[in-house]
Amino acid sequence: MPDPQAPRQAPAMLDEAVASIDMADPDARARAIAATLLPGFMGTRLPDSLRRRLTAGLGGVCVFGPNIVSESQLEELNDDILTASPLAVIAIDEEGGDVTRLNYADGSPYPGNAVLGRIDELEVTGRVGTEVGWTLRRTSCTLDFAPVVDVNSNPDNPVIGVRSFGADAALVARHGAAWTTGIQSTGIAACAKHFPGHGDTALDSHLALPVIDRSLDELRERELVPFRAAIEAGVAAIMTSHIVLPRVDAGTPATFSSRILTQLLRGELGFEGVIVTDALDMKGASGETGISEAAVRALAAGCDLLCLGTDTPDQLIDEIVGAVDDAIDSGRLSAERVADAASRVRAMAARSIAARAASHSEAAPGGSTPASVSVDDVRRSFDVRPGALSALAAARGPFAVVRLETEANIAVGVAPWGPFAQASAEPAAGDSVAWSRHPQFVVSEADASGGDLDARVAAILDGVPDDRGVVVIGKAVHRHPFARATIDALRAARPTLVVDMGWPSDAREYADVATFGASRLVGRALIALLLDGSDA
C-alpha cells in the first residue's frame, strides 16, 4: 500500500529539492557536490560508510546483480537506504532481457528489447515496461537505467545488440516510448540510453573508446529519433555514452562534451530532466584521466548524476568530492553548474516520490511470472532458416547440445542465459526434464586460448554417434573465431543446427535459428521449438 503520509510529504520534498543552493556556504556546497554522486558497493547490506554519506546528502546508490539475493532482501536493503535519505536515488540496470539485475541469479522472465521489436506490438512492449516497473516498485527502487533506445545499425556491435529494439530508428522510437510510458506509470523513473546513440559501434566502451563517424545531420536522421520520442514520452533521465563523434565534437567523448549535452540534448532536443553518465569507471570514460577528473569533466559538460561503477571505495568518493571542490575554486567548473545538477537530481527524486504516491500499488501484479509475453509469442519472433529443423529431425535419436561460452559482456555479466537458465531455474518443469535428456557439452573461449579447441571438438564427436544431430547454441556467434571454428568442424562431421541467441550477422552463415535474445523466457521458447522439431 502507498505510504499515507507520502502525498503530503512529496510537495514539501519537491520544494526543498528545487530551493536555491547557497554555494558560498561550505556545508551547502559539500551537500550539492555529494548530491551528484551515485556509487555502487559490494555485498547485500548497506555499508556504514554509505549510510553516513547518505545522511550527509549523497545523491543515491546504484544496485547491481551481486547486491541482490531476492526481492525481499532488495526491498530491505533499499528501505535502509531510504531511511538514511528519503530523497536518495536508488538506481538499477533492469532492462528486462539479457541485462537483468533482479533475475541475475536465474535469468530474466522477460524477452528483451530485440524480441519485443520483432513482435512489434506496442501494447505488449508497454505491458513489459509496466510489469518491470511494478517489480521494481515492490523492491523500493526509484530509477531504472532503461530502456535502451540505441538503434543497433551495426550487427557487429559487441555491447548493444539484442538490448536494442532493432535496426530501424522509427521502430526503436515507438517501442522506447511505449516502454518508458509503461514503467513510469508505476512511479519508477525511466532513463533512456545511451545518448547520442551507441548502436553503430564495433567496440565496447567498457573496454575502449569507440569512434562513430557520423555527422550531426546523420544523427538527426537515425540515432536521435528514439531519444526525441523518449523525451516526448516524458522520460525522467537520459544516460550518456562514452563514445567520440569527431564530426560533432572532435576528440571529446559525448559524456564530456558540452556541444553534445548542453547544446544538442538540452538546447535542440529540449530535454529538462536528469542527465546521467554511464559508469565512470569504464575505460571509455576514465581510462586516461582517472575517475575524479572524469567526474569534473562530466559535470562541466552538463551531466547531473555521476554513475561511479559497481564498487566505489569510500576514499575514491572523497577524492571525487575534493576534485570537484578544487575545480570550482579554480574556475574550471562553475558553482552554479553543480548547484543546477544537484537540484535536478533532488527534483527527480521528489517527483518520483509524488508519482509513487499518486499511483496505486494495489493494482500491481503479484508473483514472478510475467503475463505480458507468452512462449508462443516469443517463438513466433524467431528467424528460422527454412528446412533447418527438418534436417535435424532426420537424424536418429536425441540430438546433442553444444553450448558456446564466450567471454561475458560486462553489461550482461554472468547471469544464466537461454535454455540453460530455464533448465537450472526450474529443473522439475516438463520442458526442463525433456531438455535434460539430451547430451550436453560446453566449448568455451578458454578452450581456444588454451590450445585445447581441437581436443574439445574431438571429445564431442566421440560422444555423439554418427547418426545423431547436434544443436550448437551461442550468442553473436559470427563475431567469435573459436565459435566459427567449432561449428565448421561439427558441420563437417554431424547434422548440425546452429542457434544464435545474440544479434546475428546479416548473412546468417552461423545462424540457422536466430532468437534475438537469450533471456530465460527466450530459452523456454527455444526449448519448445527444438523439442517440437517444426519449422512452423
Protein backbone atom coordinates (compact mmCIF):
# COMPACT_ATOMS: atom_id res chain seq x y z
CA MET A 1 0.00 0.00 0.00
CA PRO A 2 1.19 3.57 -0.61
CA ASP A 3 2.53 5.45 2.39
CA PRO A 4 -0.46 7.55 3.56
CA GLN A 5 1.94 10.34 4.51
CA ALA A 6 3.66 10.35 1.11
CA PRO A 7 1.15 12.61 -0.69
CA ARG A 8 1.64 15.28 1.98
CA GLN A 9 5.42 14.82 2.12
CA ALA A 10 6.05 14.88 -1.62
CA PRO A 11 5.28 18.59 -2.30
CA ALA A 12 7.45 19.66 0.63
CA MET A 13 10.28 17.46 -0.63
CA LEU A 14 9.96 18.92 -4.12
CA ASP A 15 10.07 22.47 -2.73
CA GLU A 16 13.17 21.53 -0.74
CA ALA A 17 14.80 19.89 -3.76
CA VAL A 18 14.45 22.88 -6.08
CA ALA A 19 15.25 25.51 -3.45
CA SER A 20 18.26 27.63 -4.32
CA ILE A 21 21.57 26.33 -3.00
CA ASP A 22 23.94 28.78 -1.36
CA MET A 23 27.22 27.57 -2.85
CA ALA A 24 29.10 30.11 -0.72
CA ASP A 25 28.14 28.06 2.32
CA PRO A 26 30.74 25.24 2.65
CA ASP A 27 28.20 22.79 4.06
CA ALA A 28 25.66 23.51 1.33
CA ARG A 29 28.37 23.22 -1.31
CA ALA A 30 29.51 19.86 0.07
CA ARG A 31 25.94 18.56 0.03
CA ALA A 32 25.44 19.80 -3.53
CA ILE A 33 28.55 18.01 -4.74
CA ALA A 34 27.52 14.85 -2.90
CA ALA A 35 24.05 15.01 -4.47
CA THR A 36 25.57 14.44 -7.92
CA LEU A 37 27.25 11.14 -6.97
CA LEU A 38 25.84 7.63 -7.46
CA PRO A 39 28.29 4.99 -6.17
CA GLY A 40 27.98 1.23 -6.10
CA PHE A 41 29.11 -1.16 -3.41
CA MET A 42 29.78 -4.81 -2.75
CA GLY A 43 27.58 -7.00 -0.56
CA THR A 44 23.90 -7.28 0.22
CA ARG A 45 23.73 -4.81 3.12
CA LEU A 46 24.25 -1.06 3.11
CA PRO A 47 27.81 -0.25 4.25
CA ASP A 48 28.04 2.11 7.21
CA SER A 49 30.23 4.44 5.15
CA LEU A 50 27.49 4.90 2.56
CA ARG A 51 24.84 5.30 5.26
CA ARG A 52 26.84 8.20 6.69
CA ARG A 53 27.22 9.74 3.25
CA LEU A 54 23.51 9.38 2.52
CA THR A 55 22.64 11.32 5.67
CA ALA A 56 25.14 13.96 4.52
CA GLY A 57 23.47 14.41 1.12
CA LEU A 58 24.79 11.66 -1.17
CA GLY A 59 22.71 11.53 -4.35
CA GLY A 60 21.94 7.85 -4.08
CA VAL A 61 23.18 4.34 -4.76
CA CYS A 62 23.24 2.06 -7.80
CA VAL A 63 22.49 -1.60 -7.09
CA PHE A 64 23.86 -4.41 -9.24
CA GLY A 65 23.31 -8.15 -9.54
CA PRO A 66 25.76 -9.17 -6.77
CA ASN A 67 23.87 -6.87 -4.35
CA ILE A 68 20.67 -8.89 -4.82
CA VAL A 69 19.67 -12.24 -3.33
CA SER A 70 15.90 -11.92 -3.57
CA GLU A 71 13.17 -9.33 -3.97
CA SER A 72 12.54 -9.27 -0.23
CA GLN A 73 16.23 -8.79 0.55
CA LEU A 74 16.48 -6.00 -2.04
CA GLU A 75 13.43 -4.29 -0.57
CA GLU A 76 15.01 -4.44 2.89
CA LEU A 77 18.28 -3.01 1.54
CA ASN A 78 16.54 -0.21 -0.33
CA ASP A 79 14.31 0.68 2.61
CA ASP A 80 17.50 1.02 4.67
CA ILE A 81 18.85 3.44 2.03
CA LEU A 82 15.64 5.49 2.02
CA THR A 83 15.59 5.61 5.79
CA ALA A 84 19.02 7.20 5.70
CA SER A 85 17.92 9.62 2.95
CA PRO A 86 14.30 9.78 1.73
CA LEU A 87 15.47 11.68 -1.37
CA ALA A 88 18.08 9.09 -2.32
CA VAL A 89 18.04 7.84 -5.89
CA ILE A 90 18.13 4.02 -5.96
CA ALA A 91 19.11 3.10 -9.49
CA ILE A 92 19.26 -0.29 -11.15
CA ASP A 93 20.06 -1.67 -14.62
CA GLU A 94 16.93 -3.72 -15.21
CA GLU A 95 16.37 -3.91 -18.96
CA GLY A 96 14.05 -6.92 -18.83
CA GLY A 97 16.14 -9.23 -21.00
CA ASP A 98 19.79 -10.22 -21.34
CA VAL A 99 20.74 -7.38 -19.00
CA THR A 100 18.95 -8.10 -15.74
CA ARG A 101 19.73 -7.38 -12.12
CA LEU A 102 16.51 -8.58 -10.50
CA ASN A 103 16.99 -12.01 -12.09
CA TYR A 104 20.77 -12.06 -12.14
CA ALA A 105 20.77 -15.45 -10.43
CA ASP A 106 18.28 -17.24 -12.70
CA GLY A 107 17.82 -15.28 -15.95
CA SER A 108 15.10 -12.83 -16.91
CA PRO A 109 11.46 -13.90 -17.31
CA TYR A 110 11.05 -11.13 -19.91
CA PRO A 111 12.00 -11.43 -23.59
CA GLY A 112 14.30 -8.44 -24.04
CA ASN A 113 14.06 -5.49 -26.41
CA ALA A 114 15.04 -7.10 -29.71
CA VAL A 115 12.32 -9.74 -29.34
CA LEU A 116 9.79 -7.04 -28.44
CA GLY A 117 10.81 -5.15 -31.55
CA ARG A 118 10.28 -8.24 -33.68
CA ILE A 119 6.87 -8.91 -32.12
CA ASP A 120 6.22 -5.21 -32.81
CA GLU A 121 3.10 -4.76 -30.72
CA LEU A 122 3.33 -1.53 -28.71
CA GLU A 123 0.77 -2.73 -26.19
CA VAL A 124 2.97 -5.74 -25.39
CA THR A 125 6.07 -3.56 -25.00
CA GLY A 126 4.18 -1.16 -22.76
CA ARG A 127 2.97 -4.02 -20.58
CA VAL A 128 6.52 -5.33 -20.18
CA GLY A 129 7.65 -1.87 -19.06
CA THR A 130 4.74 -1.73 -16.63
CA GLU A 131 5.47 -5.17 -15.17
CA VAL A 132 9.15 -4.36 -14.74
CA GLY A 133 8.10 -1.14 -13.04
CA TRP A 134 5.81 -2.83 -10.54
CA THR A 135 8.51 -5.35 -9.69
CA LEU A 136 10.97 -2.52 -9.05
CA ARG A 137 8.30 -0.67 -7.11
CA ARG A 138 7.90 -3.65 -4.77
CA THR A 139 11.64 -3.57 -4.09
CA SER A 140 11.72 0.20 -3.43
CA CYS A 141 13.98 1.04 -6.38
CA THR A 142 13.31 4.52 -7.78
CA LEU A 143 15.20 4.79 -11.11
CA ASP A 144 15.67 2.20 -13.83
CA PHE A 145 18.52 2.62 -16.32
CA ALA A 146 16.22 1.56 -19.15
CA PRO A 147 15.05 1.49 -21.86
CA VAL A 148 17.94 1.12 -24.28
CA VAL A 149 16.97 3.26 -27.27
CA ASP A 150 20.14 2.79 -29.31
CA VAL A 151 19.49 1.83 -32.94
CA ASN A 152 21.55 -1.32 -33.47
CA SER A 153 22.62 -0.50 -37.00
CA ASN A 154 25.89 -2.46 -36.74
CA PRO A 155 25.42 -6.26 -36.43
CA ASP A 156 28.98 -6.50 -35.09
CA ASN A 157 28.15 -4.27 -32.12
CA PRO A 158 29.58 -6.07 -29.08
CA VAL A 159 27.74 -4.19 -26.33
CA ILE A 160 24.26 -3.21 -27.60
CA GLY A 161 22.97 -5.96 -29.92
CA VAL A 162 19.79 -7.55 -28.59
CA ARG A 163 19.50 -4.86 -25.93
CA SER A 164 18.17 -2.69 -28.77
CA PHE A 165 14.61 -2.84 -30.09
CA GLY A 166 16.01 -3.09 -33.62
CA ALA A 167 17.94 -1.57 -36.51
CA ASP A 168 15.16 0.78 -37.65
CA ALA A 169 15.03 4.18 -35.95
CA ALA A 170 11.26 4.57 -36.17
CA LEU A 171 10.64 1.13 -34.66
CA VAL A 172 13.09 1.81 -31.81
CA ALA A 173 11.42 5.16 -31.19
CA ARG A 174 7.93 3.64 -30.98
CA HIS A 175 8.92 0.89 -28.60
CA GLY A 176 11.22 3.03 -26.49
CA ALA A 177 8.38 5.47 -25.90
CA ALA A 178 5.94 2.64 -25.08
CA TRP A 179 8.37 1.07 -22.60
CA THR A 180 9.02 4.47 -21.00
CA THR A 181 5.32 5.20 -20.62
CA GLY A 182 4.72 1.76 -19.16
CA ILE A 183 7.38 1.83 -16.49
CA GLN A 184 6.77 5.44 -15.48
CA SER A 185 3.07 4.70 -14.98
CA THR A 186 4.18 2.74 -11.90
CA GLY A 187 6.07 5.65 -10.33
CA ILE A 188 9.51 4.39 -11.35
CA ALA A 189 11.66 6.90 -13.25
CA ALA A 190 12.97 5.69 -16.61
CA CYS A 191 16.35 6.52 -18.13
CA ALA A 192 16.77 6.27 -21.92
CA LYS A 193 20.29 5.33 -23.02
CA HIS A 194 22.99 5.74 -24.43
CA PHE A 195 22.93 9.32 -25.79
CA PRO A 196 23.51 10.26 -28.55
CA GLY A 197 23.44 6.62 -29.74
CA HIS A 198 25.75 3.62 -29.22
CA GLY A 199 24.29 1.39 -31.91
CA ASP A 200 26.82 1.95 -34.70
CA THR A 201 29.95 0.86 -32.84
CA ALA A 202 32.18 -2.19 -33.13
CA LEU A 203 33.91 -1.61 -29.77
CA ASP A 204 32.67 -1.97 -26.19
CA SER A 205 33.06 1.31 -24.28
CA HIS A 206 33.56 -0.70 -21.08
CA LEU A 207 36.91 -1.70 -22.58
CA ALA A 208 37.80 1.00 -25.13
CA LEU A 209 36.69 4.36 -26.57
CA PRO A 210 34.53 3.81 -29.68
CA VAL A 211 34.50 6.34 -32.51
CA ILE A 212 31.39 6.91 -34.64
CA ASP A 213 31.95 8.76 -37.90
CA ARG A 214 28.54 10.38 -38.35
CA SER A 215 27.61 14.00 -38.86
CA LEU A 216 25.04 15.86 -36.80
CA ASP A 217 22.57 15.71 -39.69
CA GLU A 218 23.05 11.94 -39.91
CA LEU A 219 22.47 11.63 -36.17
CA ARG A 220 19.25 13.59 -36.52
CA GLU A 221 18.03 11.16 -39.16
CA ARG A 222 18.69 7.98 -37.15
CA GLU A 223 20.30 7.97 -33.70
CA LEU A 224 18.42 10.93 -32.24
CA VAL A 225 14.97 9.82 -33.41
CA PRO A 226 14.34 7.44 -30.46
CA PHE A 227 15.65 9.99 -27.94
CA ARG A 228 13.22 12.60 -29.26
CA ALA A 229 10.40 10.08 -28.81
CA ALA A 230 11.50 9.24 -25.28
CA ILE A 231 11.63 12.94 -24.38
CA GLU A 232 8.15 13.44 -25.81
CA ALA A 233 7.01 10.49 -23.67
CA GLY A 234 8.29 12.33 -20.60
CA VAL A 235 11.36 10.23 -19.79
CA ALA A 236 12.83 11.33 -16.46
CA ALA A 237 16.51 10.79 -17.27
CA ILE A 238 18.87 10.17 -20.17
CA MET A 239 22.20 8.36 -19.89
CA THR A 240 25.25 9.43 -21.86
CA SER A 241 27.59 7.20 -23.83
CA HIS A 242 31.37 7.11 -23.73
CA ILE A 243 31.83 7.45 -27.49
CA VAL A 244 33.57 10.00 -29.70
CA LEU A 245 31.83 11.63 -32.65
CA PRO A 246 34.65 13.52 -34.39
CA ARG A 247 32.31 15.26 -36.86
CA VAL A 248 30.28 16.70 -33.97
CA ASP A 249 32.91 17.36 -31.28
CA ALA A 250 36.33 16.15 -32.30
CA GLY A 251 38.27 14.26 -29.67
CA THR A 252 35.77 14.68 -26.82
CA PRO A 253 33.65 11.72 -25.65
CA ALA A 254 29.93 12.50 -25.50
CA THR A 255 29.88 12.29 -21.70
CA PHE A 256 32.33 15.21 -21.56
CA SER A 257 31.01 17.24 -24.50
CA SER A 258 29.01 20.39 -23.79
CA ARG A 259 28.38 20.55 -27.53
CA ILE A 260 26.52 17.23 -27.34
CA LEU A 261 24.91 17.51 -23.91
CA THR A 262 24.22 21.21 -23.37
CA GLN A 263 23.71 22.43 -26.92
CA LEU A 264 22.22 19.31 -28.53
CA LEU A 265 20.38 17.44 -25.76
CA ARG A 266 19.31 20.42 -23.64
CA GLY A 267 19.11 23.04 -26.38
CA GLU A 268 17.95 21.40 -29.60
CA LEU A 269 16.04 18.43 -28.14
CA GLY A 270 14.68 20.41 -25.20
CA PHE A 271 15.39 17.82 -22.52
CA GLU A 272 14.91 19.20 -18.99
CA GLY A 273 15.34 16.02 -16.97
CA VAL A 274 18.41 14.49 -15.36
CA ILE A 275 21.46 13.68 -17.48
CA VAL A 276 23.19 10.61 -16.04
CA THR A 277 26.64 9.40 -17.00
CA ASP A 278 27.29 5.84 -17.95
CA ALA A 279 29.65 4.33 -15.38
CA LEU A 280 32.73 6.50 -15.00
CA ASP A 281 34.92 3.50 -14.15
CA MET A 282 34.62 2.35 -17.78
CA LYS A 283 37.75 2.59 -19.92
CA GLY A 284 35.97 4.82 -22.41
CA ALA A 285 35.41 7.40 -19.66
CA SER A 286 38.36 7.35 -17.28
CA GLY A 287 40.99 5.11 -18.86
CA GLU A 288 43.32 8.04 -19.48
CA THR A 289 42.34 10.59 -16.82
CA GLY A 290 41.11 8.70 -13.77
CA ILE A 291 37.62 8.82 -12.30
CA SER A 292 37.99 12.06 -10.31
CA GLU A 293 38.96 14.07 -13.38
CA ALA A 294 36.23 12.33 -15.38
CA ALA A 295 33.70 13.47 -12.77
CA VAL A 296 34.79 17.10 -13.09
CA ARG A 297 34.65 16.98 -16.90
CA ALA A 298 31.21 15.32 -16.89
CA LEU A 299 29.69 17.95 -14.60
CA ALA A 300 31.21 20.77 -16.63
CA ALA A 301 29.75 19.33 -19.84
CA GLY A 302 26.23 19.21 -18.41
CA CYS A 303 25.86 15.86 -16.62
CA ASP A 304 23.87 15.93 -13.39
CA LEU A 305 24.22 12.47 -11.83
CA LEU A 306 27.53 10.62 -11.96
CA CYS A 307 27.32 6.83 -12.01
CA LEU A 308 30.62 5.77 -10.46
CA GLY A 309 30.56 1.99 -11.05
CA THR A 310 29.91 -1.28 -9.27
CA ASP A 311 32.28 -1.00 -6.30
CA THR A 312 33.21 2.53 -5.25
CA PRO A 313 35.80 2.77 -2.45
CA ASP A 314 35.00 5.36 0.20
CA GLN A 315 38.37 7.00 -0.40
CA LEU A 316 37.51 7.46 -4.09
CA ILE A 317 34.34 9.36 -3.15
CA ASP A 318 36.48 11.69 -1.03
CA GLU A 319 38.84 12.17 -3.98
CA ILE A 320 35.97 12.97 -6.34
CA VAL A 321 34.44 15.47 -3.93
CA GLY A 322 37.86 17.09 -3.48
CA ALA A 323 38.45 17.26 -7.23
CA VAL A 324 35.07 18.90 -7.86
CA ASP A 325 35.62 21.32 -4.99
CA ASP A 326 39.04 22.29 -6.36
CA ALA A 327 37.61 22.69 -9.86
CA ILE A 328 35.03 25.16 -8.52
CA ASP A 329 37.71 27.10 -6.67
CA SER A 330 39.95 27.25 -9.75
CA GLY A 331 37.15 28.35 -12.05
CA ARG A 332 37.24 25.22 -14.25
CA LEU A 333 33.74 24.34 -13.05
CA SER A 334 31.10 26.86 -12.06
CA ALA A 335 29.39 26.58 -8.71
CA GLU A 336 26.11 27.32 -10.48
CA ARG A 337 26.54 24.23 -12.73
CA VAL A 338 26.99 21.98 -9.68
CA ALA A 339 24.03 23.58 -7.90
CA ASP A 340 21.90 23.08 -11.02
CA ALA A 341 22.93 19.41 -11.24
CA ALA A 342 22.14 18.79 -7.58
CA SER A 343 18.75 20.50 -7.88
CA ARG A 344 17.82 18.39 -10.91
CA VAL A 345 18.75 15.16 -9.12
CA ARG A 346 16.80 16.08 -5.99
CA ALA A 347 13.80 17.24 -8.01
CA MET A 348 13.70 13.91 -9.89
CA ALA A 349 13.78 12.05 -6.58
CA ALA A 350 10.99 14.19 -5.16
CA ARG A 351 8.85 13.79 -8.29
CA SER A 352 9.37 10.05 -8.10
CA ILE A 353 8.03 10.07 -4.56
CA ALA A 354 4.99 12.03 -5.72
CA ALA A 355 4.43 9.70 -8.68
CA ARG A 356 4.59 6.61 -6.48
CA ALA A 357 2.16 8.20 -4.05
CA ALA A 358 -0.26 9.01 -6.87
CA SER A 359 -0.18 5.55 -8.46
CA HIS A 360 -2.00 2.61 -6.94
CA SER A 361 0.31 -0.17 -5.81
CA GLU A 362 -2.64 -2.45 -5.11
CA ALA A 363 -3.01 -2.67 -8.90
CA ALA A 364 0.47 -4.17 -9.20
CA PRO A 365 0.53 -7.77 -10.46
CA GLY A 366 1.88 -10.26 -7.97
CA GLY A 367 4.17 -13.21 -8.47
CA SER A 368 7.32 -13.57 -10.53
CA THR A 369 5.93 -14.87 -13.85
CA PRO A 370 5.06 -12.04 -16.26
CA ALA A 371 1.80 -12.23 -18.18
CA SER A 372 2.78 -9.80 -20.95
CA VAL A 373 4.56 -12.15 -23.38
CA SER A 374 3.90 -15.84 -23.93
CA VAL A 375 6.30 -18.56 -25.01
CA ASP A 376 4.38 -18.80 -28.28
CA ASP A 377 4.74 -15.04 -28.84
CA VAL A 378 8.48 -15.31 -28.44
CA ARG A 379 8.74 -18.43 -30.59
CA ARG A 380 6.95 -16.72 -33.45
CA SER A 381 9.51 -13.92 -33.36
CA PHE A 382 12.40 -16.29 -34.17
CA ASP A 383 14.07 -16.20 -37.57
CA VAL A 384 14.31 -19.86 -38.64
CA ARG A 385 16.00 -20.86 -41.90
CA PRO A 386 13.52 -22.88 -43.97
CA GLY A 387 14.14 -26.61 -43.60
CA ALA A 388 16.70 -26.22 -40.82
CA LEU A 389 14.70 -28.10 -38.19
CA SER A 390 13.51 -30.73 -40.64
CA ALA A 391 17.11 -31.58 -41.47
CA LEU A 392 17.88 -32.02 -37.80
CA ALA A 393 14.79 -34.19 -37.28
CA ALA A 394 16.04 -36.57 -39.96
CA ALA A 395 18.95 -37.54 -37.69
CA ARG A 396 18.26 -40.57 -35.49
CA GLY A 397 17.95 -40.37 -31.70
CA PRO A 398 18.06 -37.35 -29.40
CA PHE A 399 20.25 -34.52 -30.58
CA ALA A 400 23.26 -33.41 -28.55
CA VAL A 401 23.59 -29.83 -27.31
CA VAL A 402 26.83 -27.85 -27.53
CA ARG A 403 26.88 -24.57 -25.59
CA LEU A 404 29.35 -21.94 -26.78
CA GLU A 405 30.52 -19.85 -23.86
CA THR A 406 32.12 -16.56 -24.84
CA GLU A 407 33.73 -14.05 -22.51
CA ALA A 408 30.95 -12.33 -20.60
CA ASN A 409 29.84 -8.91 -21.79
CA ILE A 410 30.37 -6.58 -18.82
CA ALA A 411 26.89 -5.08 -19.13
CA VAL A 412 25.26 -8.52 -19.18
CA GLY A 413 27.58 -10.09 -16.58
CA VAL A 414 27.38 -13.77 -15.78
CA ALA A 415 23.60 -14.13 -15.49
CA PRO A 416 22.37 -17.55 -16.68
CA TRP A 417 21.07 -17.48 -20.22
CA GLY A 418 18.87 -19.26 -22.72
CA PRO A 419 17.62 -22.83 -22.27
CA PHE A 420 20.37 -23.44 -19.72
CA ALA A 421 18.87 -20.78 -17.45
CA GLN A 422 15.44 -22.37 -17.75
CA ALA A 423 16.75 -25.89 -17.01
CA SER A 424 18.61 -24.60 -13.95
CA ALA A 425 15.82 -22.37 -12.61
CA GLU A 426 13.00 -24.91 -12.99
CA PRO A 427 14.60 -28.37 -13.19
CA ALA A 428 11.33 -30.18 -12.44
CA ALA A 429 9.36 -28.43 -15.19
CA GLY A 430 8.35 -30.64 -18.10
CA ASP A 431 10.42 -28.76 -20.68
CA SER A 432 13.49 -28.81 -18.42
CA VAL A 433 13.16 -32.55 -17.82
CA ALA A 434 12.86 -33.21 -21.56
CA TRP A 435 15.82 -30.92 -22.26
CA SER A 436 17.99 -32.73 -19.71
CA ARG A 437 17.66 -35.98 -21.70
CA HIS A 438 19.82 -34.51 -24.44
CA PRO A 439 23.61 -34.92 -24.02
CA GLN A 440 25.18 -31.59 -23.10
CA PHE A 441 28.65 -30.28 -23.97
CA VAL A 442 30.38 -26.93 -23.47
CA VAL A 443 33.04 -25.27 -25.60
CA SER A 444 34.48 -22.04 -24.23
CA GLU A 445 36.73 -19.25 -25.37
CA ALA A 446 39.21 -20.54 -22.79
CA ASP A 447 39.43 -23.83 -24.69
CA ALA A 448 40.58 -21.92 -27.76
CA SER A 449 43.02 -19.63 -25.94
CA GLY A 450 44.49 -22.64 -24.15
CA GLY A 451 45.02 -24.57 -27.39
CA ASP A 452 42.50 -27.25 -26.43
CA LEU A 453 39.81 -26.48 -29.01
CA ASP A 454 40.60 -29.39 -31.37
CA ALA A 455 40.65 -31.84 -28.47
CA ARG A 456 37.37 -30.47 -27.13
CA VAL A 457 35.63 -30.85 -30.50
CA ALA A 458 37.08 -34.36 -30.90
CA ALA A 459 35.67 -35.30 -27.48
CA ILE A 460 32.23 -34.10 -28.55
CA LEU A 461 32.35 -36.13 -31.75
CA ASP A 462 33.45 -39.19 -29.78
CA GLY A 463 30.41 -38.74 -27.55
CA VAL A 464 27.88 -38.26 -30.34
CA PRO A 465 27.10 -41.23 -32.65
CA ASP A 466 27.45 -40.65 -36.38
CA ASP A 467 23.69 -40.71 -36.97
CA ARG A 468 22.84 -38.19 -34.24
CA GLY A 469 22.31 -34.48 -34.75
CA VAL A 470 24.00 -31.62 -32.90
CA VAL A 471 22.46 -28.31 -31.82
CA VAL A 472 25.05 -25.60 -31.22
CA ILE A 473 23.86 -22.63 -29.15
CA GLY A 474 25.79 -19.40 -28.72
CA LYS A 475 25.45 -15.62 -28.78
CA ALA A 476 26.60 -13.40 -31.68
CA VAL A 477 28.39 -16.47 -32.97
CA HIS A 478 29.78 -14.82 -36.10
CA ARG A 479 31.96 -12.46 -34.02
CA HIS A 480 33.96 -15.22 -32.30
CA PRO A 481 36.62 -17.17 -34.24
CA PHE A 482 36.57 -20.13 -31.82
CA ALA A 483 32.80 -20.42 -32.23
CA ARG A 484 33.01 -20.41 -36.01
CA ALA A 485 35.81 -22.99 -35.95
CA THR A 486 33.80 -25.25 -33.63
CA ILE A 487 30.73 -25.03 -35.84
CA ASP A 488 32.71 -25.67 -39.02
CA ALA A 489 34.21 -28.84 -37.51
CA LEU A 490 30.86 -30.12 -36.25
CA ARG A 491 29.08 -29.37 -39.52
CA ALA A 492 31.67 -31.39 -41.38
CA ALA A 493 31.01 -34.46 -39.21
CA ARG A 494 27.38 -34.41 -37.98
CA PRO A 495 23.96 -32.96 -38.92
CA THR A 496 24.30 -29.61 -37.14
CA LEU A 497 21.81 -26.87 -36.33
CA VAL A 498 23.26 -23.52 -35.18
CA VAL A 499 21.22 -21.30 -32.87
CA ASP A 500 22.37 -17.72 -32.37
CA MET A 501 20.81 -16.16 -29.27
CA GLY A 502 22.59 -12.85 -29.84
CA TRP A 503 22.41 -10.44 -32.75
CA PRO A 504 23.36 -12.47 -35.84
CA SER A 505 25.23 -11.31 -38.92
CA ASP A 506 23.09 -10.12 -41.81
CA ALA A 507 24.23 -13.12 -43.91
CA ARG A 508 23.21 -15.65 -41.21
CA GLU A 509 26.06 -18.06 -42.08
CA TYR A 510 26.17 -19.11 -38.44
CA ALA A 511 22.51 -18.74 -37.52
CA ASP A 512 20.09 -21.43 -38.72
CA VAL A 513 17.87 -20.14 -35.94
CA ALA A 514 18.20 -16.56 -34.70
CA THR A 515 16.33 -15.81 -31.46
CA PHE A 516 17.48 -12.19 -30.97
CA GLY A 517 17.78 -12.66 -27.22
CA ALA A 518 18.96 -15.07 -24.56
CA SER A 519 16.73 -14.43 -21.57
CA ARG A 520 15.26 -17.37 -19.67
CA LEU A 521 11.89 -16.77 -21.34
CA VAL A 522 13.53 -16.88 -24.77
CA GLY A 523 15.28 -20.07 -23.64
CA ARG A 524 11.90 -21.64 -22.84
CA ALA A 525 10.66 -20.73 -26.31
CA LEU A 526 13.78 -22.23 -27.89
CA ILE A 527 13.33 -25.49 -25.98
CA ALA A 528 9.75 -25.66 -27.23
CA LEU A 529 10.87 -25.06 -30.81
CA LEU A 530 13.65 -27.67 -30.74
CA LEU A 531 11.68 -30.37 -28.95
CA ASP A 532 8.73 -29.85 -31.25
CA GLY A 533 11.05 -30.08 -34.26
CA SER A 534 8.84 -27.98 -36.53
CA ASP A 535 9.88 -25.09 -38.74
CA ALA A 536 6.47 -23.51 -38.17
